[in-house]
Protein backbone atom coordinates (compact mmCIF):
# COMPACT_ATOMS: atom_id res chain seq x y z
CA MET A 1 86.39 116.17 96.22
CA GLU A 2 82.99 115.27 97.56
CA ILE A 3 81.19 117.39 100.09
CA ASP A 4 78.06 116.02 101.68
CA ILE A 5 76.75 118.19 104.49
CA GLN A 6 74.16 116.48 106.66
CA VAL A 7 71.78 119.43 106.87
CA ASP A 8 69.45 117.96 109.52
CA GLN A 9 72.36 117.06 111.79
CA VAL A 10 73.93 120.50 111.41
CA ARG A 11 70.62 122.20 112.17
CA SER A 12 70.25 119.98 115.27
CA LEU A 13 73.71 121.03 116.46
CA LEU A 14 72.87 124.69 115.86
CA ALA A 15 69.68 124.30 117.92
CA ASP A 16 71.76 122.73 120.72
CA ALA A 17 74.17 125.66 120.57
CA SER A 18 71.29 128.13 120.78
CA ARG A 19 70.01 126.40 123.92
CA GLU A 20 73.52 126.63 125.37
CA PHE A 21 73.49 130.38 124.74
CA ASP A 22 70.34 130.66 126.83
CA GLU A 23 72.10 128.85 129.68
CA LEU A 24 75.17 131.06 129.29
CA GLU A 25 73.01 134.16 129.41
CA ALA A 26 71.43 132.95 132.64
CA ALA A 27 74.89 132.23 134.10
CA ARG A 28 76.08 135.68 133.05
CA ASN A 29 73.11 137.28 134.80
CA THR A 30 73.78 135.19 137.93
CA LEU A 31 77.41 136.34 137.91
CA GLU A 32 76.30 139.96 137.66
CA PHE A 33 74.00 139.57 140.67
CA GLN A 34 76.74 137.80 142.63
CA ILE A 35 79.22 140.60 141.91
CA GLU A 36 76.65 143.16 143.03
CA ALA A 37 76.02 141.16 146.22
CA LEU A 38 79.76 140.92 146.89
CA VAL A 39 80.20 144.68 146.41
CA GLU A 40 77.28 145.30 148.75
CA ALA A 41 78.71 142.88 151.34
CA LEU A 42 82.06 144.65 151.24
CA GLY A 43 80.24 147.85 152.17
CA LYS A 44 82.82 150.02 153.89
CA CYS A 45 85.82 148.65 152.00
CA ALA A 46 85.59 151.17 149.19
CA GLU A 47 88.86 150.25 147.49
CA VAL A 48 88.08 146.52 147.44
CA SER A 49 84.49 147.23 146.31
CA ALA A 50 85.79 149.37 143.47
CA ALA A 51 88.27 146.68 142.44
CA VAL A 52 85.57 143.99 142.47
CA THR A 53 83.21 146.22 140.46
CA ARG A 54 85.95 147.02 137.96
CA ALA A 55 86.91 143.34 137.60
CA GLY A 56 83.28 142.40 137.15
CA THR A 57 82.43 145.00 134.54
CA GLU A 58 85.71 145.47 132.71
CA ILE A 59 86.92 141.88 132.66
CA LEU A 60 84.25 139.27 133.36
CA TRP A 61 81.19 140.98 131.88
CA ARG A 62 83.00 142.37 128.84
CA ASP A 63 84.80 139.10 128.07
CA GLN A 64 81.64 137.04 128.47
CA SER A 65 79.75 139.43 126.22
CA ALA A 66 82.46 139.30 123.56
CA ILE A 67 82.56 135.50 123.67
CA MET A 68 78.79 135.24 123.39
CA VAL A 69 78.67 137.67 120.47
CA ARG A 70 81.36 135.73 118.61
CA CYS A 71 79.70 132.40 119.29
CA ASN A 72 76.32 133.72 118.24
CA ASN A 73 77.82 135.16 115.04
CA ALA A 74 79.43 131.79 114.29
CA VAL A 75 76.16 129.91 114.82
CA MET A 76 74.25 132.41 112.68
CA GLY A 77 76.90 132.26 109.95
CA VAL A 78 76.85 128.46 109.86
CA GLY A 79 73.06 128.53 109.76
CA GLN A 80 73.09 130.88 106.77
CA ALA A 81 75.75 128.81 105.02
CA VAL A 82 73.73 125.62 105.50
CA THR A 83 70.63 127.33 104.14
CA GLU A 84 72.56 128.42 101.04
CA TYR A 85 74.05 124.93 100.67
CA GLN A 86 70.56 123.44 100.81
CA ARG A 87 69.24 125.95 98.25
CA GLY A 88 72.14 125.10 95.96
CA ASP A 89 71.45 121.38 96.34
CA GLU A 90 67.79 121.92 95.50
CA GLU A 91 68.67 124.08 92.50
CA MET A 92 71.14 121.47 91.19
CA ALA A 93 68.54 118.72 91.64
CA MET A 94 66.00 120.79 89.70
CA ASN A 95 68.55 121.44 86.94
CA VAL A 96 69.30 117.71 86.66
CA MET A 97 65.61 116.89 86.55
CA ASN A 98 64.99 119.51 83.84
CA ALA A 99 67.97 118.27 81.82
CA GLN A 100 66.78 114.67 82.06
CA ARG A 101 63.29 115.69 81.01
CA ALA A 102 64.66 117.64 78.05
CA ALA A 103 66.93 114.76 77.01
CA SER A 104 64.15 112.18 77.16
CA SER A 105 61.82 114.15 74.90
CA PRO A 106 63.84 115.90 72.18
CA PRO A 107 61.91 118.34 70.00
CA ILE A 108 60.64 116.90 66.72
CA LYS A 109 61.57 118.92 63.69
CA SER A 110 60.38 118.45 60.16
CA LEU A 111 63.09 117.81 57.63
CA GLN A 112 62.87 119.21 54.11
CA ASP A 113 64.85 118.18 51.09
CA SER A 114 66.42 120.65 48.65
CA ASN A 115 63.13 120.88 46.68
CA GLY A 116 61.11 121.82 49.76
CA TYR A 117 59.48 118.40 50.15
CA TYR A 118 59.13 116.99 53.65
CA LEU A 119 61.04 113.81 54.31
CA ARG A 120 59.33 110.96 56.00
CA ALA A 121 61.09 108.61 58.34
CA GLU A 122 60.78 104.94 57.52
CA GLU A 123 59.39 102.89 60.36
């Protein structure tokens, strides 16, 4: 099984997602102001105002917040995973390079015969 994560492309997608969060935050703030304006416009209709306030805070605001937290956690988690993947890739590349270097220049050891004389290689 081969896994080849395109780190730059993933990081680009994560940046796009972060920009989307900014837009969602702005939309959430707009919704909050619109709910407040609706409650104010209802004025004397206390029961309807209370229902709109409750729907806004207990349903819309809470759900939007939960969704944004989950999405943000997912983006952050993927970002951390990609960073670890990249570190692992770099570490493996360094290990391969070190192994190749070690294999291309083996240590030279002197050889001695049983009498303690050094053997010389014929060239």
